C-alpha cells in the first residue's frame, strides 16, 4: 500500500536531509512538529503519490482527517504545526526515532 500522508511526514522528520530544512520538531517533549515549507512537502508528496496534483490545502485536509484515526493530534492556534498521536509515535518508534531517546 502507499504510505499515508502522516507516515510520509514522520519519515521526513527522521531524515536529516529534510529536518530541519523543510520540517522540524517544534517541541520534542510534546511530540509536535512544524511544516517549515509546506509547499515543498506537498511537491515531494506529489512526486511519490499516485495522485500527483494535490495542493497543500488538500494535503492538509488529509492530515486533519487523521486526527480521528489517532495518528495526529490538533495543535490549536498554531499554523502548520501538528502533534503526533499514538499511531505516529508507534510508527516513529519502529523507524528508530523513539521519542524517549530524542
N, C-alpha and C. Protein backbone atom coordinates (compact mmCIF):
# COMPACT_ATOMS: atom_id res chain seq x y z
N UNK A 1 0.83 -1.19 0.00
CA UNK A 1 0.00 0.00 0.00
C UNK A 1 0.87 1.25 0.00
N UNK A 2 0.31 2.30 -0.48
CA UNK A 2 1.00 3.58 -0.47
C UNK A 2 1.02 4.14 0.95
N UNK A 3 2.11 4.77 1.38
CA UNK A 3 2.15 5.32 2.74
C UNK A 3 1.08 6.40 2.92
N UNK A 4 0.61 6.53 4.13
CA UNK A 4 -0.31 7.61 4.48
C UNK A 4 0.48 8.91 4.54
N UNK A 5 -0.22 10.03 4.38
CA UNK A 5 0.50 11.31 4.39
C UNK A 5 1.18 11.58 5.74
N UNK A 6 0.59 11.12 6.84
CA UNK A 6 1.23 11.33 8.14
C UNK A 6 2.49 10.47 8.27
N UNK A 7 2.48 9.27 7.68
CA UNK A 7 3.68 8.42 7.70
C UNK A 7 4.79 9.08 6.90
N UNK A 8 4.43 9.70 5.79
CA UNK A 8 5.38 10.43 4.96
C UNK A 8 6.04 11.55 5.78
N UNK A 9 5.24 12.27 6.57
CA UNK A 9 5.79 13.35 7.40
C UNK A 9 6.72 12.82 8.48
N UNK A 10 6.36 11.71 9.09
CA UNK A 10 7.22 11.13 10.13
C UNK A 10 8.55 10.69 9.52
N UNK A 11 8.50 10.12 8.33
CA UNK A 11 9.75 9.75 7.64
C UNK A 11 10.61 10.98 7.36
N UNK A 12 9.97 12.08 6.97
CA UNK A 12 10.73 13.32 6.76
C UNK A 12 11.35 13.82 8.06
N UNK A 13 10.63 13.68 9.16
CA UNK A 13 11.15 14.14 10.45
C UNK A 13 12.42 13.40 10.87
N UNK A 14 12.53 12.13 10.52
CA UNK A 14 13.72 11.37 10.91
C UNK A 14 14.81 11.42 9.84
N UNK A 15 14.55 12.13 8.75
CA UNK A 15 15.51 12.25 7.66
C UNK A 15 16.33 13.54 7.85
N UNK A 16 17.64 13.43 8.07
CA UNK A 16 18.45 14.63 8.30
C UNK A 16 18.53 15.56 7.08
N UNK A 17 18.18 15.06 5.90
CA UNK A 17 18.15 15.93 4.72
C UNK A 17 16.91 16.83 4.72
N UNK A 18 15.87 16.40 5.41
CA UNK A 18 14.61 17.17 5.46
C UNK A 18 14.46 17.95 6.75
N UNK A 19 14.93 17.40 7.85
CA UNK A 19 14.78 18.02 9.17
C UNK A 19 16.10 18.70 9.53
N UNK A 20 16.19 19.98 9.70
CA UNK A 20 15.14 20.98 9.92
C UNK A 20 14.83 21.87 8.71
N UNK A 21 15.29 21.51 7.52
CA UNK A 21 15.11 22.41 6.38
C UNK A 21 13.66 22.61 5.97
N UNK A 22 12.90 21.51 5.85
CA UNK A 22 11.51 21.65 5.39
C UNK A 22 10.48 21.24 6.44
N UNK A 23 10.92 20.49 7.44
CA UNK A 23 10.06 20.07 8.54
C UNK A 23 10.96 19.99 9.78
N UNK A 24 10.43 20.34 10.94
CA UNK A 24 11.27 20.28 12.14
C UNK A 24 10.40 20.03 13.37
N UNK A 25 11.06 19.54 14.40
CA UNK A 25 10.38 19.37 15.67
C UNK A 25 10.12 20.75 16.25
N UNK A 26 8.92 21.00 16.64
CA UNK A 26 8.55 22.23 17.33
C UNK A 26 8.82 22.05 18.82
N UNK A 27 8.41 20.91 19.36
CA UNK A 27 8.62 20.57 20.76
C UNK A 27 8.69 19.05 20.86
N UNK A 28 9.89 18.52 21.01
CA UNK A 28 10.05 17.06 21.04
C UNK A 28 9.33 16.42 22.21
N UNK A 29 9.35 17.08 23.36
CA UNK A 29 8.69 16.51 24.54
C UNK A 29 7.18 16.39 24.34
N UNK A 30 6.60 17.34 23.63
CA UNK A 30 5.16 17.31 23.34
C UNK A 30 4.87 16.58 22.02
N UNK A 31 5.92 16.16 21.33
CA UNK A 31 5.81 15.45 20.04
C UNK A 31 5.05 16.29 19.01
N UNK A 32 5.38 17.58 18.95
CA UNK A 32 4.78 18.45 17.94
C UNK A 32 5.84 18.84 16.92
N UNK A 33 5.39 18.99 15.69
CA UNK A 33 6.32 19.34 14.62
C UNK A 33 5.70 20.41 13.73
N UNK A 34 6.57 21.13 13.03
CA UNK A 34 6.15 22.23 12.15
C UNK A 34 6.56 21.92 10.71
N UNK A 35 5.64 22.21 9.81
CA UNK A 35 5.96 22.15 8.39
C UNK A 35 6.58 23.50 8.05
N UNK A 36 7.90 23.54 7.90
CA UNK A 36 8.61 24.79 7.65
C UNK A 36 8.30 25.29 6.24
N UNK A 37 8.30 24.39 5.28
CA UNK A 37 7.99 24.72 3.89
C UNK A 37 6.91 23.77 3.39
N UNK A 38 5.65 24.05 3.74
CA UNK A 38 4.57 23.14 3.36
C UNK A 38 4.43 22.93 1.86
N UNK A 39 4.76 23.97 1.07
CA UNK A 39 4.65 23.82 -0.38
C UNK A 39 5.68 22.83 -0.92
N UNK A 40 6.87 22.81 -0.34
CA UNK A 40 7.91 21.85 -0.76
C UNK A 40 7.50 20.44 -0.34
N UNK A 41 6.96 20.31 0.86
CA UNK A 41 6.50 19.00 1.33
C UNK A 41 5.41 18.46 0.41
N UNK A 42 4.49 19.34 -0.01
CA UNK A 42 3.43 18.91 -0.92
C UNK A 42 4.01 18.48 -2.26
N UNK A 43 5.01 19.19 -2.76
CA UNK A 43 5.66 18.80 -4.02
C UNK A 43 6.32 17.43 -3.89
N UNK A 44 6.99 17.19 -2.77
CA UNK A 44 7.62 15.88 -2.55
C UNK A 44 6.56 14.78 -2.47
N UNK A 45 5.45 15.08 -1.81
CA UNK A 45 4.34 14.11 -1.72
C UNK A 45 3.79 13.81 -3.12
N UNK A 46 3.61 14.85 -3.92
CA UNK A 46 3.09 14.67 -5.28
C UNK A 46 4.04 13.83 -6.13
N UNK A 47 5.34 13.97 -5.91
CA UNK A 47 6.32 13.22 -6.70
C UNK A 47 6.24 11.72 -6.44
N UNK A 48 5.77 11.32 -5.28
CA UNK A 48 5.73 9.90 -4.95
C UNK A 48 4.31 9.34 -4.87
N UNK A 49 3.33 10.21 -5.01
CA UNK A 49 1.94 9.80 -4.86
C UNK A 49 1.32 9.36 -6.19
N UNK A 50 0.27 8.57 -6.09
CA UNK A 50 -0.47 8.18 -7.30
C UNK A 50 -1.44 9.30 -7.71
N UNK A 51 -1.60 10.30 -6.84
CA UNK A 51 -2.42 11.48 -7.15
C UNK A 51 -1.48 12.68 -7.21
N UNK A 52 -0.87 12.93 -8.36
CA UNK A 52 0.23 13.89 -8.44
C UNK A 52 -0.14 15.37 -8.41
N UNK A 53 -1.40 15.73 -8.34
CA UNK A 53 -1.76 17.15 -8.37
C UNK A 53 -2.44 17.63 -7.10
N UNK A 54 -1.99 17.13 -5.96
CA UNK A 54 -2.57 17.51 -4.68
C UNK A 54 -2.03 18.89 -4.28
N UNK A 55 -2.92 19.78 -3.89
CA UNK A 55 -2.50 21.09 -3.39
C UNK A 55 -2.23 20.97 -1.89
N UNK A 56 -1.57 21.98 -1.31
CA UNK A 56 -1.34 21.93 0.13
C UNK A 56 -2.67 21.91 0.87
N UNK A 57 -3.65 22.64 0.36
CA UNK A 57 -4.97 22.67 1.00
C UNK A 57 -5.55 21.26 1.12
N UNK A 58 -5.46 20.48 0.05
CA UNK A 58 -5.96 19.11 0.07
C UNK A 58 -5.09 18.21 0.95
N UNK A 59 -3.78 18.42 0.90
CA UNK A 59 -2.85 17.64 1.73
C UNK A 59 -3.18 17.87 3.21
N UNK A 60 -3.39 19.14 3.58
CA UNK A 60 -3.71 19.48 4.97
C UNK A 60 -5.06 18.89 5.39
N UNK A 61 -6.01 18.86 4.47
CA UNK A 61 -7.31 18.26 4.78
C UNK A 61 -7.12 16.78 5.12
N UNK A 62 -6.27 16.12 4.35
CA UNK A 62 -5.96 14.71 4.63
C UNK A 62 -5.30 14.53 5.98
N UNK A 63 -4.44 15.47 6.36
CA UNK A 63 -3.79 15.39 7.68
C UNK A 63 -4.83 15.56 8.78
N UNK A 64 -5.74 16.50 8.61
CA UNK A 64 -6.77 16.74 9.63
C UNK A 64 -7.66 15.52 9.81
N UNK A 65 -7.89 14.77 8.74
CA UNK A 65 -8.68 13.54 8.85
C UNK A 65 -8.04 12.60 9.87
N UNK A 66 -6.71 12.58 9.91
CA UNK A 66 -6.01 11.65 10.78
C UNK A 66 -6.04 12.05 12.26
N UNK A 67 -6.68 13.19 12.58
CA UNK A 67 -6.97 13.49 13.98
C UNK A 67 -7.93 12.43 14.52
N UNK A 68 -8.84 11.96 13.67
CA UNK A 68 -9.85 10.98 14.10
C UNK A 68 -9.31 9.55 14.15
N UNK A 69 -8.19 9.30 13.48
CA UNK A 69 -7.64 7.94 13.45
C UNK A 69 -6.62 7.68 14.55
N UNK A 70 -6.22 8.74 15.26
CA UNK A 70 -5.22 8.58 16.31
C UNK A 70 -3.79 8.73 15.83
N UNK A 71 -3.62 9.10 14.56
CA UNK A 71 -2.27 9.28 14.04
C UNK A 71 -1.72 10.66 14.39
N UNK A 72 -2.56 11.66 14.30
CA UNK A 72 -2.15 13.03 14.58
C UNK A 72 -3.09 13.65 15.60
N UNK A 73 -2.60 14.68 16.28
CA UNK A 73 -3.45 15.43 17.20
C UNK A 73 -3.38 16.91 16.81
N UNK A 74 -4.46 17.59 17.03
CA UNK A 74 -4.56 19.00 16.69
C UNK A 74 -3.72 19.84 17.66
N UNK A 75 -3.07 20.85 17.12
CA UNK A 75 -2.36 21.84 17.94
C UNK A 75 -3.07 23.16 17.68
N UNK A 76 -3.87 23.60 18.63
CA UNK A 76 -4.72 24.76 18.41
C UNK A 76 -3.92 26.05 18.24
N UNK A 77 -4.44 26.88 17.37
CA UNK A 77 -3.91 28.22 17.12
C UNK A 77 -2.45 28.24 16.67
N UNK A 78 -1.99 27.19 16.03
CA UNK A 78 -0.61 27.14 15.52
C UNK A 78 -0.67 26.70 14.06
N UNK A 79 -0.37 27.60 13.16
CA UNK A 79 -0.42 27.29 11.74
C UNK A 79 0.76 26.40 11.35
N UNK A 80 0.48 25.37 10.58
CA UNK A 80 1.48 24.40 10.08
C UNK A 80 2.11 23.56 11.18
N UNK A 81 1.48 23.50 12.35
CA UNK A 81 2.00 22.70 13.46
C UNK A 81 1.03 21.56 13.75
N UNK A 82 1.57 20.36 13.88
CA UNK A 82 0.78 19.15 14.14
C UNK A 82 1.43 18.39 15.28
N UNK A 83 0.63 17.59 15.96
CA UNK A 83 1.14 16.75 17.04
C UNK A 83 1.05 15.29 16.66
N UNK A 84 1.99 14.50 17.16
CA UNK A 84 1.98 13.06 16.93
C UNK A 84 0.99 12.40 17.88
N UNK A 85 0.10 11.61 17.33
CA UNK A 85 -0.81 10.82 18.13
C UNK A 85 -0.18 9.46 18.42
N UNK A 86 -0.90 8.58 19.09
CA UNK A 86 -0.36 7.26 19.44
C UNK A 86 0.15 6.46 18.23
N UNK A 87 -0.58 6.51 17.12
CA UNK A 87 -0.15 5.77 15.92
C UNK A 87 1.16 6.31 15.38
N UNK A 88 1.28 7.63 15.34
CA UNK A 88 2.50 8.25 14.82
C UNK A 88 3.69 7.96 15.74
N UNK A 89 3.46 7.99 17.04
CA UNK A 89 4.55 7.69 17.98
C UNK A 89 5.00 6.24 17.84
N UNK A 90 4.06 5.34 17.62
CA UNK A 90 4.41 3.93 17.40
C UNK A 90 5.21 3.77 16.10
N UNK A 91 4.78 4.47 15.05
CA UNK A 91 5.48 4.42 13.77
C UNK A 91 6.89 5.00 13.91
N UNK A 92 7.01 6.10 14.63
CA UNK A 92 8.30 6.73 14.88
C UNK A 92 9.23 5.78 15.61
N UNK A 93 8.69 5.06 16.58
CA UNK A 93 9.47 4.08 17.33
C UNK A 93 9.97 2.97 16.40
N UNK A 94 9.12 2.51 15.48
CA UNK A 94 9.52 1.47 14.53
C UNK A 94 10.64 1.94 13.62
N UNK A 95 10.64 3.24 13.31
CA UNK A 95 11.68 3.79 12.45
C UNK A 95 12.99 4.04 13.21
N UNK A 96 12.95 3.87 14.51
CA UNK A 96 14.15 4.07 15.31
C UNK A 96 14.29 5.48 15.84
N UNK A 97 13.23 6.26 15.77
CA UNK A 97 13.28 7.63 16.27
C UNK A 97 12.49 7.77 17.55
N UNK A 98 12.66 6.83 18.46
CA UNK A 98 11.90 6.78 19.71
C UNK A 98 11.94 8.13 20.42
N UNK A 99 10.77 8.66 20.76
CA UNK A 99 10.70 9.97 21.42
C UNK A 99 11.40 9.97 22.77
N UNK A 100 11.47 8.84 23.44
CA UNK A 100 12.15 8.77 24.73
C UNK A 100 13.64 9.02 24.55
N UNK A 101 14.18 8.63 23.42
CA UNK A 101 15.60 8.80 23.13
C UNK A 101 15.88 10.20 22.62
N UNK A 102 14.93 10.76 21.87
CA UNK A 102 15.12 12.09 21.31
C UNK A 102 15.08 13.10 22.43
